[in-house]
Amino acid sequence: MTDSQIWQTIALDLKRAANYHASGNINKANYYLAEAKGLYAGQKLVGKIKRIEQFIKFEGNPEEILLSSSLITTRI
């Protein structure tokens, strides 16, 4: 996969996790958060993504997680 595809997958996983978390399905939310964290760990932060590093959240309330997804999507 290309870097862009990996970032798209991270954003999608974060979006899914936020939605599952908001609907009360914590097990599925944790699954997608773990997948996003794993992909994120192998990525280099360069360019526009580096500027939003401090806003990328893998825990907390669903709104913060969804914001992370949106920020990533707009920068890739």
C-alpha atoms as a PDB file:
ATOM      1  CA  MET A   1       0.000   0.000   0.000  1.00  0.00           C
ATOM      2  CA  THR A   2       1.097   3.544  -0.636  1.00  0.00           C
ATOM      3  CA  ASP A   3       1.491   6.110   2.141  1.00  0.00           C
ATOM      4  CA  SER A   4      -1.694   7.826   1.033  1.00  0.00           C
ATOM      5  CA  GLN A   5      -3.643   4.575   1.218  1.00  0.00           C
ATOM      6  CA  ILE A   6      -2.279   3.846   4.682  1.00  0.00           C
ATOM      7  CA  TRP A   7      -3.321   7.301   5.912  1.00  0.00           C
ATOM      8  CA  GLN A   8      -6.765   6.794   4.369  1.00  0.00           C
ATOM      9  CA  THR A   9      -7.049   3.481   6.211  1.00  0.00           C
ATOM     10  CA  ILE A  10      -6.009   5.107   9.494  1.00  0.00           C
ATOM     11  CA  ALA A  11      -8.621   7.840   9.019  1.00  0.00           C
ATOM     12  CA  LEU A  12     -11.318   5.298   8.167  1.00  0.00           C
ATOM     13  CA  ASP A  13     -10.431   3.127  11.169  1.00  0.00           C
ATOM     14  CA  LEU A  14     -10.611   6.161  13.465  1.00  0.00           C
ATOM     15  CA  LYS A  15     -13.984   7.115  12.022  1.00  0.00           C
ATOM     16  CA  ARG A  16     -15.322   3.602  12.528  1.00  0.00           C
ATOM     17  CA  ALA A  17     -13.961   3.489  16.070  1.00  0.00           C
ATOM     18  CA  ALA A  18     -15.596   6.821  16.933  1.00  0.00           C
ATOM     19  CA  ASN A  19     -18.937   5.681  15.566  1.00  0.00           C
ATOM     20  CA  TYR A  20     -18.811   2.336  17.361  1.00  0.00           C
ATOM     21  CA  HIS A  21     -17.750   4.024  20.578  1.00  0.00           C
ATOM     22  CA  ALA A  22     -20.608   6.537  20.339  1.00  0.00           C
ATOM     23  CA  SER A  23     -23.125   3.749  19.768  1.00  0.00           C
ATOM     24  CA  GLY A  24     -21.835   1.822  22.780  1.00  0.00           C
ATOM     25  CA  ASN A  25     -20.057  -1.020  20.992  1.00  0.00           C
ATOM     26  CA  ILE A  26     -16.748  -0.665  22.821  1.00  0.00           C
ATOM     27  CA  ASN A  27     -15.246  -3.988  21.663  1.00  0.00           C
ATOM     28  CA  LYS A  28     -15.514  -3.073  17.983  1.00  0.00           C
ATOM     29  CA  ALA A  29     -14.271   0.447  18.730  1.00  0.00           C
ATOM     30  CA  ASN A  30     -11.198  -0.943  20.472  1.00  0.00           C
ATOM     31  CA  TYR A  31     -10.532  -3.274  17.527  1.00  0.00           C
ATOM     32  CA  TYR A  32     -10.459  -0.407  15.033  1.00  0.00           C
ATOM     33  CA  LEU A  33      -8.444   1.800  17.371  1.00  0.00           C
ATOM     34  CA  ALA A  34      -5.834  -0.950  17.727  1.00  0.00           C
ATOM     35  CA  GLU A  35      -5.668  -1.362  13.949  1.00  0.00           C
ATOM     36  CA  ALA A  36      -5.256   2.396  13.451  1.00  0.00           C
ATOM     37  CA  LYS A  37      -2.537   2.570  16.129  1.00  0.00           C
ATOM     38  CA  GLY A  38      -0.641  -0.260  14.476  1.00  0.00           C
ATOM     39  CA  LEU A  39      -0.679   1.429  11.088  1.00  0.00           C
ATOM     40  CA  TYR A  40       0.176   4.807  12.620  1.00  0.00           C
ATOM     41  CA  ALA A  41       3.208   3.378  14.420  1.00  0.00           C
ATOM     42  CA  GLY A  42       4.809   2.472  11.100  1.00  0.00           C
ATOM     43  CA  GLN A  43       4.197   5.809   9.404  1.00  0.00           C
ATOM     44  CA  LYS A  44       6.544   8.758   9.083  1.00  0.00           C
ATOM     45  CA  LEU A  45       5.019  12.129   9.846  1.00  0.00           C
ATOM     46  CA  VAL A  46       5.926  14.502   7.043  1.00  0.00           C
ATOM     47  CA  GLY A  47       4.422  17.565   5.461  1.00  0.00           C
ATOM     48  CA  LYS A  48       0.855  18.469   6.317  1.00  0.00           C
ATOM     49  CA  ILE A  49       0.408  15.435   8.569  1.00  0.00           C
ATOM     50  CA  LYS A  50       3.287  16.539  10.806  1.00  0.00           C
ATOM     51  CA  ARG A  51       1.451  19.802  11.520  1.00  0.00           C
ATOM     52  CA  ILE A  52      -1.551  17.960  12.984  1.00  0.00           C
ATOM     53  CA  GLU A  53       0.396  15.367  14.984  1.00  0.00           C
ATOM     54  CA  GLN A  54      -0.691  16.851  18.309  1.00  0.00           C
ATOM     55  CA  PHE A  55      -4.364  16.570  17.338  1.00  0.00           C
ATOM     56  CA  ILE A  56      -4.330  12.883  16.359  1.00  0.00           C
ATOM     57  CA  LYS A  57      -6.013  11.008  19.216  1.00  0.00           C
ATOM     58  CA  PHE A  58      -6.541   7.283  19.635  1.00  0.00           C
ATOM     59  CA  GLU A  59      -8.445   7.527  22.903  1.00  0.00           C
ATOM     60  CA  GLY A  60     -10.885   9.809  24.627  1.00  0.00           C
ATOM     61  CA  ASN A  61     -14.361  10.755  23.625  1.00  0.00           C
ATOM     62  CA  PRO A  62     -15.713   9.893  20.160  1.00  0.00           C
ATOM     63  CA  GLU A  63     -15.682  13.525  19.049  1.00  0.00           C
ATOM     64  CA  GLU A  64     -11.909  13.783  19.509  1.00  0.00           C
ATOM     65  CA  ILE A  65     -11.335  10.551  17.626  1.00  0.00           C
ATOM     66  CA  LEU A  66     -13.631  11.659  14.803  1.00  0.00           C
ATOM     67  CA  LEU A  67     -11.837  15.015  14.641  1.00  0.00           C
ATOM     68  CA  SER A  68      -8.544  13.152  14.221  1.00  0.00           C
ATOM     69  CA  SER A  69     -10.029  11.221  11.317  1.00  0.00           C
ATOM     70  CA  SER A  70     -11.301  14.388   9.660  1.00  0.00           C
ATOM     71  CA  LEU A  71      -7.987  16.192  10.052  1.00  0.00           C
ATOM     72  CA  ILE A  72      -6.084  13.292   8.499  1.00  0.00           C
ATOM     73  CA  THR A  73      -8.551  13.055   5.608  1.00  0.00           C
ATOM     74  CA  THR A  74      -8.246  16.733   4.754  1.00  0.00           C
ATOM     75  CA  ARG A  75      -4.433  16.598   4.754  1.00  0.00           C
ATOM     76  CA  ILE A  76      -3.830  13.589   2.522  1.00  0.00           C
END
